[in-house]
N, C-alpha and C. Protein backbone atom coordinates (compact mmCIF):
# COMPACT_ATOMS: atom_id res chain seq x y z
N UNK A 1 168.31 144.43 73.55
CA UNK A 1 167.39 143.86 72.58
C UNK A 1 167.68 142.38 72.34
N UNK A 2 168.98 142.06 72.34
CA UNK A 2 169.32 140.66 72.10
C UNK A 2 168.80 139.78 73.23
N UNK A 3 168.85 140.31 74.47
CA UNK A 3 168.35 139.52 75.59
C UNK A 3 166.85 139.31 75.48
N UNK A 4 166.14 140.35 75.02
CA UNK A 4 164.69 140.21 74.85
C UNK A 4 164.36 139.23 73.73
N UNK A 5 165.18 139.26 72.66
CA UNK A 5 164.94 138.33 71.54
C UNK A 5 165.11 136.88 72.00
N UNK A 6 166.09 136.66 72.84
CA UNK A 6 166.31 135.30 73.32
C UNK A 6 165.27 134.87 74.35
N UNK A 7 164.63 135.82 74.98
CA UNK A 7 163.64 135.49 75.99
C UNK A 7 162.33 135.03 75.38
N UNK A 8 162.09 135.36 74.08
CA UNK A 8 160.83 134.97 73.43
C UNK A 8 160.87 133.48 73.12
N UNK A 9 159.79 132.80 73.47
CA UNK A 9 159.69 131.37 73.18
C UNK A 9 159.56 131.14 71.69
N UNK A 10 160.36 130.23 71.17
CA UNK A 10 160.30 129.90 69.76
C UNK A 10 159.77 128.48 69.60
N UNK A 11 159.28 128.22 68.45
CA UNK A 11 158.74 126.90 68.16
C UNK A 11 159.90 125.94 67.88
N UNK A 12 159.86 124.78 68.50
CA UNK A 12 160.89 123.77 68.30
C UNK A 12 160.57 122.97 67.05
N UNK A 13 161.37 123.15 66.01
CA UNK A 13 161.15 122.45 64.75
C UNK A 13 161.72 121.02 64.87
N UNK A 14 160.91 120.06 64.74
CA UNK A 14 161.30 118.66 64.87
C UNK A 14 161.43 118.03 63.48
N UNK A 15 162.41 117.17 63.32
CA UNK A 15 162.56 116.46 62.06
C UNK A 15 161.48 115.38 61.96
N UNK A 16 160.94 115.27 60.77
CA UNK A 16 159.84 114.33 60.60
C UNK A 16 160.36 112.90 60.59
N UNK A 17 159.48 111.98 60.91
CA UNK A 17 159.83 110.56 60.90
C UNK A 17 159.60 109.98 59.51
N UNK A 18 159.94 108.73 59.36
CA UNK A 18 159.75 108.06 58.08
C UNK A 18 158.25 107.90 57.81
N UNK A 19 157.80 108.30 56.62
CA UNK A 19 156.37 108.13 56.31
C UNK A 19 155.96 106.66 56.37
N UNK A 20 154.69 106.45 56.58
CA UNK A 20 154.19 105.09 56.74
C UNK A 20 154.40 104.27 55.46
N UNK A 21 154.29 104.94 54.30
CA UNK A 21 154.44 104.23 53.04
C UNK A 21 155.87 103.82 52.76
N UNK A 22 156.84 104.42 53.47
CA UNK A 22 158.26 104.12 53.23
C UNK A 22 158.92 103.42 54.43
N UNK A 23 158.12 102.82 55.30
CA UNK A 23 158.67 102.13 56.46
C UNK A 23 159.53 100.93 56.08
N UNK A 24 159.34 100.40 54.89
CA UNK A 24 160.14 99.25 54.46
C UNK A 24 161.61 99.62 54.25
N UNK A 25 161.90 100.94 54.11
CA UNK A 25 163.29 101.38 53.93
C UNK A 25 164.00 101.66 55.24
N UNK A 26 163.34 101.41 56.37
CA UNK A 26 163.97 101.61 57.66
C UNK A 26 163.78 103.02 58.18
N UNK A 27 164.61 103.39 59.17
CA UNK A 27 164.51 104.71 59.77
C UNK A 27 164.94 105.79 58.79
N UNK A 28 164.30 106.94 58.89
CA UNK A 28 164.63 108.07 58.03
C UNK A 28 165.94 108.70 58.51
N UNK A 29 166.88 108.89 57.59
CA UNK A 29 168.17 109.45 57.93
C UNK A 29 168.03 110.92 58.30
N UNK A 30 168.56 111.27 59.48
CA UNK A 30 168.53 112.67 59.93
C UNK A 30 169.80 113.37 59.48
N UNK A 31 169.87 114.67 59.76
CA UNK A 31 171.02 115.45 59.30
C UNK A 31 172.31 115.00 60.01
N UNK A 32 172.21 114.72 61.31
CA UNK A 32 173.41 114.27 62.03
C UNK A 32 173.92 112.94 61.48
N UNK A 33 173.00 112.06 61.10
CA UNK A 33 173.42 110.79 60.50
C UNK A 33 174.11 111.03 59.16
N UNK A 34 173.58 112.01 58.40
CA UNK A 34 174.21 112.32 57.10
C UNK A 34 175.62 112.87 57.29
N UNK A 35 175.82 113.70 58.30
CA UNK A 35 177.13 114.29 58.55
C UNK A 35 178.15 113.19 58.86
N UNK A 36 177.78 112.24 59.70
CA UNK A 36 178.69 111.14 60.05
C UNK A 36 179.01 110.30 58.82
N UNK A 37 177.99 110.00 58.03
CA UNK A 37 178.20 109.18 56.83
C UNK A 37 179.06 109.92 55.81
N UNK A 38 178.85 111.22 55.66
CA UNK A 38 179.62 112.00 54.69
C UNK A 38 181.08 112.09 55.10
N UNK A 39 181.36 112.30 56.41
CA UNK A 39 182.74 112.37 56.87
C UNK A 39 183.47 111.05 56.64
N UNK A 40 182.80 109.92 56.91
CA UNK A 40 183.43 108.62 56.69
C UNK A 40 183.69 108.40 55.20
N UNK A 41 182.76 108.84 54.37
CA UNK A 41 182.92 108.66 52.91
C UNK A 41 184.11 109.47 52.39
N UNK A 42 184.20 110.73 52.81
CA UNK A 42 185.29 111.58 52.33
C UNK A 42 186.64 111.12 52.89
N UNK A 43 186.65 110.59 54.10
CA UNK A 43 187.89 110.08 54.65
C UNK A 43 188.40 108.90 53.83
N UNK A 44 187.51 108.00 53.45
CA UNK A 44 187.91 106.87 52.61
C UNK A 44 188.38 107.34 51.24
N UNK A 45 187.70 108.34 50.68
CA UNK A 45 188.12 108.86 49.39
C UNK A 45 189.52 109.48 49.45
N UNK A 46 189.81 110.21 50.53
CA UNK A 46 191.15 110.80 50.67
C UNK A 46 192.22 109.72 50.82
N UNK A 47 191.90 108.66 51.55
CA UNK A 47 192.87 107.57 51.72
C UNK A 47 193.15 106.90 50.38
N UNK A 48 192.11 106.63 49.61
CA UNK A 48 192.31 106.02 48.29
C UNK A 48 193.08 106.94 47.36
N UNK A 49 192.86 108.24 47.45
CA UNK A 49 193.58 109.18 46.61
C UNK A 49 195.07 109.20 46.94
N UNK A 50 195.40 109.14 48.24
CA UNK A 50 196.81 109.10 48.64
C UNK A 50 197.48 107.82 48.18
N UNK A 51 196.77 106.70 48.25
CA UNK A 51 197.34 105.44 47.79
C UNK A 51 197.57 105.46 46.28
N UNK A 52 196.65 106.08 45.55
CA UNK A 52 196.84 106.19 44.09
C UNK A 52 198.05 107.04 43.76
N UNK A 53 198.25 108.12 44.52
CA UNK A 53 199.41 108.97 44.28
C UNK A 53 200.71 108.24 44.60
N UNK A 54 200.73 107.47 45.70
CA UNK A 54 201.94 106.71 46.03
C UNK A 54 202.24 105.66 44.96
N UNK A 55 201.19 105.02 44.45
CA UNK A 55 201.41 104.02 43.41
C UNK A 55 201.88 104.67 42.11
N UNK A 56 201.41 105.88 41.82
CA UNK A 56 201.79 106.55 40.57
C UNK A 56 203.22 107.07 40.63
N UNK A 57 203.65 107.56 41.79
CA UNK A 57 204.96 108.17 41.90
C UNK A 57 205.99 107.25 42.57
N UNK A 58 205.72 105.97 42.66
CA UNK A 58 206.66 105.08 43.33
C UNK A 58 207.92 104.90 42.47
N UNK A 59 209.01 104.58 43.15
CA UNK A 59 210.28 104.38 42.47
C UNK A 59 210.39 102.90 42.08
N UNK A 60 210.49 102.59 40.81
CA UNK A 60 210.56 101.16 40.42
C UNK A 60 211.84 100.48 40.88
N UNK A 61 212.88 101.26 41.27
CA UNK A 61 214.15 100.68 41.69
C UNK A 61 214.29 100.57 43.21
N UNK A 62 213.27 101.01 43.96
CA UNK A 62 213.41 100.96 45.41
C UNK A 62 213.34 99.50 45.89
N UNK A 63 214.05 99.25 47.00
CA UNK A 63 214.18 97.88 47.48
C UNK A 63 214.07 97.87 49.00
N UNK A 64 213.31 96.90 49.52
CA UNK A 64 213.20 96.65 50.95
C UNK A 64 213.55 95.19 51.20
N UNK A 65 214.15 94.92 52.35
CA UNK A 65 214.50 93.53 52.67
C UNK A 65 213.26 92.66 52.84
N UNK A 66 212.13 93.28 53.21
CA UNK A 66 210.91 92.49 53.36
C UNK A 66 210.39 91.98 52.02
N UNK A 67 210.91 92.55 50.92
CA UNK A 67 210.49 92.06 49.60
C UNK A 67 210.97 90.64 49.37
N UNK A 68 212.09 90.25 50.00
CA UNK A 68 212.61 88.90 49.83
C UNK A 68 212.33 88.03 51.04
N UNK A 69 211.86 88.65 52.14
CA UNK A 69 211.57 87.89 53.35
C UNK A 69 210.08 87.61 53.53
N UNK A 70 209.27 88.08 52.62
CA UNK A 70 207.83 87.83 52.70
C UNK A 70 207.35 87.24 51.38
N UNK A 71 206.20 86.60 51.45
CA UNK A 71 205.59 86.06 50.23
C UNK A 71 204.10 86.38 50.25
N UNK A 72 203.52 86.46 49.09
CA UNK A 72 202.13 86.84 48.96
C UNK A 72 201.26 85.59 48.90
N UNK A 73 200.29 85.51 49.79
CA UNK A 73 199.35 84.40 49.83
C UNK A 73 197.95 84.98 49.74
N UNK A 74 197.27 84.74 48.63
CA UNK A 74 195.93 85.27 48.39
C UNK A 74 195.89 86.79 48.52
N UNK A 75 196.94 87.45 48.00
CA UNK A 75 196.97 88.90 48.04
C UNK A 75 197.40 89.50 49.36
N UNK A 76 197.84 88.67 50.32
CA UNK A 76 198.24 89.16 51.63
C UNK A 76 199.70 88.81 51.85
N UNK A 77 200.51 89.78 52.26
CA UNK A 77 201.92 89.56 52.52
C UNK A 77 202.09 88.85 53.86
N UNK A 78 202.76 87.72 53.86
CA UNK A 78 203.01 86.96 55.07
C UNK A 78 204.51 86.75 55.23
N UNK A 79 205.07 87.03 56.44
CA UNK A 79 206.52 86.85 56.63
C UNK A 79 206.88 85.37 56.67
N UNK A 80 208.15 85.12 56.42
CA UNK A 80 208.64 83.76 56.46
C UNK A 80 208.64 83.23 57.89
N UNK A 81 208.60 81.91 58.01
CA UNK A 81 208.62 81.29 59.33
C UNK A 81 209.97 81.50 59.99
N UNK A 82 209.95 81.87 61.28
CA UNK A 82 211.17 82.13 62.03
C UNK A 82 211.45 81.02 63.04
N UNK A 83 211.04 79.80 62.69
CA UNK A 83 211.25 78.68 63.61
C UNK A 83 212.74 78.38 63.79
N UNK A 84 213.52 78.46 62.69
CA UNK A 84 214.96 78.18 62.75
C UNK A 84 215.76 79.48 62.65
N UNK A 85 215.29 80.51 63.36
CA UNK A 85 215.96 81.81 63.29
C UNK A 85 217.28 81.79 64.01
N UNK A 86 217.39 81.04 65.12
CA UNK A 86 218.60 80.99 65.92
C UNK A 86 219.29 79.64 65.75
N UNK A 87 220.61 79.66 65.88
CA UNK A 87 221.38 78.42 65.81
C UNK A 87 221.31 77.70 67.15
N UNK A 88 221.85 76.48 67.18
CA UNK A 88 221.83 75.69 68.41
C UNK A 88 222.67 76.35 69.50
N UNK A 89 223.81 76.95 69.12
CA UNK A 89 224.64 77.62 70.11
C UNK A 89 223.95 78.84 70.69
N UNK A 90 223.23 79.60 69.85
CA UNK A 90 222.50 80.77 70.35
C UNK A 90 221.36 80.35 71.28
N UNK A 91 220.69 79.26 70.95
CA UNK A 91 219.62 78.78 71.83
C UNK A 91 220.17 78.34 73.18
N UNK A 92 221.31 77.67 73.18
CA UNK A 92 221.94 77.25 74.43
C UNK A 92 222.34 78.47 75.27
N UNK A 93 222.86 79.52 74.62
CA UNK A 93 223.25 80.73 75.34
C UNK A 93 222.03 81.40 75.98
N UNK A 94 220.92 81.46 75.24
CA UNK A 94 219.70 82.07 75.79
C UNK A 94 219.16 81.24 76.95
N UNK A 95 219.23 79.91 76.84
CA UNK A 95 218.80 79.04 77.93
C UNK A 95 219.64 79.30 79.18
N UNK A 96 220.95 79.46 78.99
CA UNK A 96 221.83 79.72 80.13
C UNK A 96 221.50 81.04 80.80
N UNK A 97 221.22 82.07 79.99
CA UNK A 97 220.86 83.37 80.56
C UNK A 97 219.54 83.29 81.32
N UNK A 98 218.57 82.56 80.79
CA UNK A 98 217.28 82.41 81.49
C UNK A 98 217.47 81.67 82.81
N UNK A 99 218.27 80.61 82.79
CA UNK A 99 218.50 79.85 84.02
C UNK A 99 219.23 80.71 85.05
N UNK A 100 220.18 81.53 84.60
CA UNK A 100 220.89 82.43 85.52
C UNK A 100 219.95 83.44 86.16
N UNK A 101 219.00 83.96 85.39
CA UNK A 101 218.02 84.91 85.95
C UNK A 101 217.12 84.24 86.97
N UNK A 102 216.65 83.03 86.67
CA UNK A 102 215.79 82.30 87.61
C UNK A 102 216.56 81.98 88.89
N UNK A 103 217.83 81.58 88.75
CA UNK A 103 218.65 81.26 89.93
C UNK A 103 218.87 82.50 90.79
N UNK A 104 219.08 83.65 90.16
CA UNK A 104 219.25 84.89 90.91
C UNK A 104 217.99 85.24 91.69
N UNK A 105 216.83 85.12 91.06
CA UNK A 105 215.56 85.39 91.75
C UNK A 105 215.33 84.39 92.88
N UNK A 106 215.69 83.14 92.66
CA UNK A 106 215.52 82.12 93.70
C UNK A 106 216.37 82.44 94.93
N UNK A 107 217.62 82.80 94.72
CA UNK A 107 218.49 83.14 95.84
C UNK A 107 218.00 84.39 96.57
N UNK A 108 217.48 85.37 95.81
CA UNK A 108 216.96 86.57 96.44
C UNK A 108 215.75 86.26 97.31
N UNK A 109 214.84 85.41 96.80
CA UNK A 109 213.66 85.04 97.58
C UNK A 109 214.04 84.25 98.83
N UNK A 110 215.03 83.38 98.72
CA UNK A 110 215.47 82.62 99.90
C UNK A 110 216.03 83.53 100.98
N UNK A 111 216.79 84.55 100.58
CA UNK A 111 217.32 85.50 101.56
C UNK A 111 216.20 86.27 102.24
N UNK A 112 215.19 86.65 101.49
CA UNK A 112 214.06 87.37 102.09
C UNK A 112 213.28 86.47 103.04
N UNK A 113 213.13 85.19 102.69
CA UNK A 113 212.45 84.26 103.58
C UNK A 113 213.23 84.08 104.88
N UNK A 114 214.55 83.96 104.78
CA UNK A 114 215.37 83.82 105.98
C UNK A 114 215.29 85.07 106.86
N UNK A 115 215.26 86.24 106.24
CA UNK A 115 215.17 87.48 107.01
C UNK A 115 213.83 87.59 107.72
N UNK A 116 212.74 87.26 107.03
CA UNK A 116 211.42 87.30 107.66
C UNK A 116 211.30 86.27 108.76
N UNK A 117 211.84 85.08 108.54
CA UNK A 117 211.78 84.03 109.57
C UNK A 117 212.53 84.44 110.81
N UNK A 118 213.70 85.04 110.64
CA UNK A 118 214.47 85.49 111.80
C UNK A 118 213.76 86.61 112.55
N UNK A 119 213.07 87.48 111.81
CA UNK A 119 212.37 88.59 112.46
C UNK A 119 211.16 88.10 113.25
N UNK A 120 210.44 87.11 112.72
CA UNK A 120 209.24 86.61 113.39
C UNK A 120 209.55 85.52 114.41
N UNK A 121 210.79 85.06 114.44
CA UNK A 121 211.14 83.96 115.35
C UNK A 121 211.07 84.40 116.81
N UNK A 122 211.38 85.68 117.06
CA UNK A 122 211.40 86.15 118.44
C UNK A 122 210.01 86.22 119.05
N UNK A 123 208.96 86.33 118.21
CA UNK A 123 207.60 86.40 118.75
C UNK A 123 207.09 85.03 119.17
N UNK A 124 207.60 83.97 118.52
CA UNK A 124 207.11 82.63 118.83
C UNK A 124 207.87 81.99 119.98
N UNK A 125 209.19 82.20 120.03
CA UNK A 125 210.02 81.55 121.05
C UNK A 125 210.46 82.59 122.07
N UNK A 126 209.90 82.51 123.27
CA UNK A 126 210.30 83.41 124.33
C UNK A 126 211.50 82.82 125.06
N UNK A 127 212.46 83.62 125.44
CA UNK A 127 213.64 83.09 126.15
C UNK A 127 213.24 82.54 127.51
N UNK A 128 213.76 81.38 127.83
CA UNK A 128 213.45 80.73 129.11
C UNK A 128 214.58 81.04 130.09
N UNK A 129 214.43 82.13 130.82
CA UNK A 129 215.43 82.54 131.80
C UNK A 129 215.09 81.88 133.15
N UNK A 130 215.79 80.85 133.47
CA UNK A 130 215.55 80.12 134.72
C UNK A 130 216.76 80.27 135.63
N UNK A 131 216.50 80.75 136.80
CA UNK A 131 217.55 80.89 137.81
C UNK A 131 217.17 80.03 139.02
N UNK A 132 218.17 79.47 139.63
CA UNK A 132 217.97 78.62 140.81
C UNK A 132 218.39 79.40 142.05
N UNK A 133 217.44 79.58 142.94
CA UNK A 133 217.69 80.28 144.21
C UNK A 133 217.61 79.27 145.35
N UNK A 134 218.46 79.47 146.31
CA UNK A 134 218.48 78.60 147.49
C UNK A 134 218.06 79.42 148.72
N UNK A 135 217.10 78.89 149.43
CA UNK A 135 216.58 79.57 150.63
C UNK A 135 216.87 78.74 151.87
N UNK A 136 216.99 79.46 153.00
CA UNK A 136 217.28 78.79 154.25
C UNK A 136 216.02 78.19 154.87
N UNK A 137 214.87 78.88 154.71
CA UNK A 137 213.61 78.39 155.28
C UNK A 137 212.45 78.74 154.36
N UNK A 138 211.26 78.42 154.80
CA UNK A 138 210.08 78.65 153.97
C UNK A 138 209.79 80.14 153.81
N UNK A 139 210.02 80.94 154.84
CA UNK A 139 209.76 82.37 154.74
C UNK A 139 210.63 83.02 153.68
N UNK A 140 211.91 82.66 153.66
CA UNK A 140 212.81 83.22 152.65
C UNK A 140 212.45 82.73 151.24
N UNK A 141 211.98 81.48 151.13
CA UNK A 141 211.56 80.96 149.83
C UNK A 141 210.37 81.72 149.29
N UNK A 142 209.38 82.05 150.19
CA UNK A 142 208.22 82.82 149.74
C UNK A 142 208.64 84.22 149.31
N UNK A 143 209.59 84.82 150.02
CA UNK A 143 210.05 86.16 149.67
C UNK A 143 210.76 86.17 148.32
N UNK A 144 211.62 85.17 148.08
CA UNK A 144 212.31 85.09 146.78
C UNK A 144 211.32 84.85 145.64
N UNK A 145 210.30 84.04 145.89
CA UNK A 145 209.30 83.75 144.87
C UNK A 145 208.50 85.00 144.51
N UNK A 146 208.13 85.80 145.51
CA UNK A 146 207.38 87.04 145.23
C UNK A 146 208.24 88.04 144.48
N UNK A 147 209.53 88.14 144.80
CA UNK A 147 210.42 89.06 144.09
C UNK A 147 210.64 88.64 142.64
N UNK A 148 210.78 87.35 142.41
CA UNK A 148 210.99 86.88 141.04
C UNK A 148 209.75 87.08 140.18
N UNK A 149 208.55 86.92 140.77
CA UNK A 149 207.31 87.15 140.01
C UNK A 149 207.14 88.61 139.66
N UNK A 150 207.62 89.53 140.53
CA UNK A 150 207.54 90.95 140.23
C UNK A 150 208.52 91.36 139.15
N UNK A 151 209.69 90.70 139.11
CA UNK A 151 210.70 91.05 138.10
C UNK A 151 210.39 90.50 136.72
N UNK A 152 209.53 89.50 136.66
CA UNK A 152 209.24 88.88 135.35
C UNK A 152 208.43 89.85 134.50
N UNK A 153 208.90 90.12 133.35
CA UNK A 153 208.24 91.07 132.43
C UNK A 153 207.91 90.41 131.11
N UNK A 154 207.58 89.15 131.12
CA UNK A 154 207.28 88.45 129.87
C UNK A 154 205.93 88.86 129.31
N UNK A 155 205.86 89.16 128.01
CA UNK A 155 204.63 89.57 127.35
C UNK A 155 204.28 88.53 126.29
N UNK A 156 203.02 88.21 126.21
CA UNK A 156 202.55 87.26 125.21
C UNK A 156 202.04 88.01 123.99
N UNK A 157 201.70 87.24 122.96
CA UNK A 157 201.21 87.85 121.71
C UNK A 157 199.87 88.53 121.92
N UNK A 158 199.06 88.02 122.84
CA UNK A 158 197.74 88.61 123.08
C UNK A 158 197.85 89.98 123.74
N UNK A 159 198.96 90.26 124.42
CA UNK A 159 199.11 91.54 125.09
C UNK A 159 199.57 92.66 124.17
N UNK A 160 199.90 92.33 122.93
CA UNK A 160 200.40 93.35 122.01
C UNK A 160 199.27 94.22 121.49
N UNK A 161 199.55 95.45 121.06
CA UNK A 161 198.50 96.32 120.47
C UNK A 161 197.94 95.74 119.18
N UNK A 162 196.79 96.28 118.78
CA UNK A 162 196.11 95.77 117.59
C UNK A 162 196.91 96.04 116.32
N UNK A 163 197.53 97.23 116.21
CA UNK A 163 198.30 97.52 114.99
C UNK A 163 199.50 96.60 114.85
N UNK A 164 200.12 96.23 115.99
CA UNK A 164 201.26 95.30 115.94
C UNK A 164 200.77 93.91 115.53
N UNK A 165 199.59 93.52 116.01
CA UNK A 165 199.03 92.22 115.63
C UNK A 165 198.75 92.16 114.13
N UNK A 166 198.19 93.26 113.59
CA UNK A 166 197.89 93.27 112.15
C UNK A 166 199.17 93.20 111.32
N UNK A 167 200.18 93.95 111.73
CA UNK A 167 201.45 93.90 111.00
C UNK A 167 202.10 92.52 111.09
N UNK A 168 201.98 91.89 112.25
CA UNK A 168 202.56 90.55 112.40
C UNK A 168 201.83 89.54 111.53
N UNK A 169 200.49 89.64 111.49
CA UNK A 169 199.72 88.73 110.64
C UNK A 169 200.06 88.94 109.16
N UNK A 170 200.22 90.21 108.76
CA UNK A 170 200.61 90.50 107.37
C UNK A 170 201.99 89.94 107.05
N UNK A 171 202.89 90.01 108.03
CA UNK A 171 204.24 89.47 107.82
C UNK A 171 204.20 87.95 107.67
N UNK A 172 203.34 87.28 108.44
CA UNK A 172 203.21 85.84 108.30
C UNK A 172 202.62 85.46 106.94
N UNK A 173 201.64 86.23 106.46
CA UNK A 173 201.09 85.97 105.12
C UNK A 173 202.14 86.18 104.05
N UNK A 174 202.94 87.23 104.20
CA UNK A 174 204.02 87.47 103.23
C UNK A 174 205.04 86.34 103.26
N UNK A 175 205.31 85.81 104.45
CA UNK A 175 206.27 84.71 104.57
C UNK A 175 205.76 83.46 103.85
N UNK A 176 204.47 83.15 104.02
CA UNK A 176 203.91 81.98 103.33
C UNK A 176 203.92 82.18 101.82
N UNK A 177 203.60 83.39 101.36
CA UNK A 177 203.61 83.66 99.92
C UNK A 177 205.02 83.52 99.34
N UNK A 178 206.01 84.00 100.08
CA UNK A 178 207.39 83.91 99.58
C UNK A 178 207.88 82.46 99.59
N UNK A 179 207.44 81.67 100.57
CA UNK A 179 207.83 80.27 100.60
C UNK A 179 207.25 79.52 99.40
N UNK A 180 205.98 79.81 99.08
CA UNK A 180 205.38 79.16 97.90
C UNK A 180 206.07 79.62 96.62
N UNK A 181 206.48 80.89 96.57
CA UNK A 181 207.22 81.39 95.40
C UNK A 181 208.57 80.70 95.27
N UNK A 182 209.23 80.46 96.39
CA UNK A 182 210.53 79.77 96.36
C UNK A 182 210.36 78.36 95.82
N UNK A 183 209.31 77.65 96.26
CA UNK A 183 209.08 76.29 95.76
C UNK A 183 208.79 76.29 94.26
N UNK A 184 208.00 77.28 93.79
CA UNK A 184 207.71 77.37 92.35
C UNK A 184 208.97 77.68 91.56
N UNK A 185 209.81 78.58 92.07
CA UNK A 185 211.05 78.91 91.36
C UNK A 185 212.01 77.72 91.34
N UNK A 186 212.06 76.96 92.41
CA UNK A 186 212.91 75.76 92.42
C UNK A 186 212.43 74.74 91.39
N UNK A 187 211.12 74.56 91.30
CA UNK A 187 210.58 73.63 90.31
C UNK A 187 210.88 74.10 88.90
N UNK A 188 210.71 75.41 88.65
CA UNK A 188 211.00 75.96 87.33
C UNK A 188 212.48 75.85 87.00
N UNK A 189 213.34 76.08 87.98
CA UNK A 189 214.79 75.99 87.76
C UNK A 189 215.19 74.55 87.39
N UNK A 190 214.62 73.57 88.08
CA UNK A 190 214.94 72.18 87.78
C UNK A 190 214.47 71.79 86.38
N UNK A 191 213.28 72.25 86.00
CA UNK A 191 212.77 71.93 84.66
C UNK A 191 213.64 72.55 83.58
N UNK A 192 214.02 73.82 83.76
CA UNK A 192 214.85 74.49 82.76
C UNK A 192 216.24 73.86 82.69
N UNK A 193 216.80 73.47 83.84
CA UNK A 193 218.11 72.82 83.83
C UNK A 193 218.04 71.48 83.11
N UNK A 194 216.93 70.74 83.30
CA UNK A 194 216.79 69.45 82.62
C UNK A 194 216.67 69.64 81.11
N UNK A 195 215.90 70.63 80.67
CA UNK A 195 215.77 70.89 79.24
C UNK A 195 217.11 71.30 78.63
N UNK A 196 217.88 72.06 79.38
CA UNK A 196 219.19 72.47 78.86
C UNK A 196 220.12 71.27 78.72
N UNK A 197 220.09 70.36 79.70
CA UNK A 197 220.95 69.17 79.62
C UNK A 197 220.51 68.26 78.48
N UNK A 198 219.19 68.20 78.22
CA UNK A 198 218.72 67.34 77.13
C UNK A 198 219.12 67.87 75.77
N UNK A 199 219.37 69.20 75.67
CA UNK A 199 219.77 69.77 74.39
C UNK A 199 221.25 69.54 74.08
N UNK A 200 222.02 69.10 75.07
CA UNK A 200 223.44 68.88 74.84
C UNK A 200 223.67 67.60 74.05
N UNK A 201 224.89 67.49 73.52
CA UNK A 201 225.24 66.31 72.75
C UNK A 201 225.41 65.11 73.67
N UNK A 202 225.26 63.93 73.10
CA UNK A 202 225.41 62.71 73.88
C UNK A 202 224.18 61.83 73.77
N UNK A 203 224.40 60.53 73.80
CA UNK A 203 223.30 59.57 73.72
C UNK A 203 222.67 59.41 75.09
N UNK A 204 221.38 59.46 75.11
CA UNK A 204 220.62 59.38 76.35
C UNK A 204 219.30 58.67 76.07
N UNK A 205 218.72 58.15 77.14
CA UNK A 205 217.41 57.51 77.01
C UNK A 205 216.64 57.70 78.31
N UNK A 206 215.33 57.62 78.18
CA UNK A 206 214.45 57.78 79.34
C UNK A 206 214.27 56.43 80.02
N UNK A 207 214.49 56.39 81.33
CA UNK A 207 214.39 55.15 82.07
C UNK A 207 212.93 54.75 82.27
N UNK A 208 212.72 53.43 82.27
CA UNK A 208 211.39 52.91 82.56
C UNK A 208 211.13 52.92 84.07
N UNK A 209 209.89 52.67 84.44
CA UNK A 209 209.54 52.72 85.86
C UNK A 209 210.23 51.62 86.65
N UNK A 210 210.41 50.44 86.04
CA UNK A 210 211.06 49.34 86.77
C UNK A 210 212.56 49.54 86.90
N UNK A 211 213.15 50.50 86.14
CA UNK A 211 214.58 50.75 86.23
C UNK A 211 214.93 51.85 87.24
N UNK A 212 213.92 52.52 87.74
CA UNK A 212 214.16 53.61 88.69
C UNK A 212 214.17 53.04 90.10
N UNK A 213 215.22 53.34 90.87
CA UNK A 213 215.32 52.83 92.24
C UNK A 213 214.32 53.52 93.17
N UNK A 214 214.28 54.84 93.14
CA UNK A 214 213.33 55.59 93.98
C UNK A 214 212.23 56.13 93.07
N UNK A 215 211.00 55.66 93.20
CA UNK A 215 209.91 56.10 92.31
C UNK A 215 209.68 57.61 92.42
N UNK A 216 209.46 58.23 91.29
CA UNK A 216 209.20 59.66 91.22
C UNK A 216 208.27 59.94 90.05
N UNK A 217 207.54 61.05 90.15
CA UNK A 217 206.61 61.42 89.09
C UNK A 217 207.31 62.11 87.92
N UNK A 218 208.54 62.58 88.12
CA UNK A 218 209.26 63.27 87.06
C UNK A 218 210.04 62.27 86.21
N UNK A 219 210.25 62.59 84.94
CA UNK A 219 211.02 61.68 84.07
C UNK A 219 212.49 61.64 84.47
N UNK A 220 213.09 60.47 84.33
CA UNK A 220 214.50 60.26 84.67
C UNK A 220 215.23 59.80 83.42
N UNK A 221 216.37 60.44 83.10
CA UNK A 221 217.14 60.12 81.91
C UNK A 221 218.51 59.59 82.33
N UNK A 222 219.08 58.78 81.46
CA UNK A 222 220.40 58.21 81.69
C UNK A 222 221.25 58.43 80.45
N UNK A 223 222.42 59.01 80.66
CA UNK A 223 223.34 59.27 79.55
C UNK A 223 224.34 58.12 79.42
N UNK A 224 224.70 57.84 78.21
CA UNK A 224 225.68 56.81 77.94
C UNK A 224 227.08 57.32 78.28
N UNK A 225 227.83 56.51 78.99
CA UNK A 225 229.18 56.90 79.37
C UNK A 225 230.07 57.01 78.15
N UNK A 226 230.76 58.13 78.00
CA UNK A 226 231.64 58.37 76.88
C UNK A 226 233.04 58.67 77.40
N UNK A 227 234.02 58.18 76.66
CA UNK A 227 235.40 58.40 77.04
C UNK A 227 235.82 59.81 76.61
N UNK A 228 236.37 60.53 77.58
CA UNK A 228 236.82 61.88 77.30
C UNK A 228 238.29 61.86 76.88
N UNK A 229 238.58 62.44 75.75
CA UNK A 229 239.94 62.45 75.28
C UNK A 229 240.72 63.66 75.80
C-alpha cells in the first residue's frame, strides 16, 4: 500500500512570491531563509549569554601577564612594541647562527655542482686516444688504417637513446639552476656578513667614490685603526 501511495502524483505546493504591493520590501523570506536567520540569531544569543556568565563569575583576584604587557586603545587590547625585545648580544648571536646556516647551504650547493659537473664532463670531452703506427710500405699502412677504424668505438651524443638525452638535458638544467642558486647564496652571505660587521663596535665610515681604488656598485666601509691592548 505504501508503494501505491507513493506512486500517486501529488500536487507540488510552491511558496508564493512577494505581492506586488509589497515589492518595496524586497524578496519574500522563505522558510529556508528563516531557518538560517534563526540559527544565526540563537548562536549569537548563546555566545552573549556565555560571556555574561564569565563576566558574572570572574575572579577579581586573577592575574595574567598580558594585563601588564598590553594597553587598551579605543576599547581594543594592543600588545606592547617588541622592537627592543632582544639585547645587542642576542642579536649578534642570531646573526651568527643565520650566517652559519647560509654558509652550510652554500657549501652543500657547491658540492652538488661539482658532482654534477664531473658527471656531465665525460659526455662533452671524449678521450683522444692517439697511437702512432709505423708501416714498411703503403699496403701495410692501408691495413693498419682499416684495423684502427674497425677498433674505434667512439659514440657521440647524437647516437645516444632518447631517454638518455632527456635525462642529460634535465641534468644540465639542474646544473644551471644550482649555479644560479650558488651565486644568490654567495651574494646573501656577503650582505649578511657585512651587516654583522657593521653592528660591531668601532668607528667606521662609508668611503666616497673618489676614495675607492676599484669601482664597485656595493658600499665600501673603512674602520678606524685602534690599538689593541
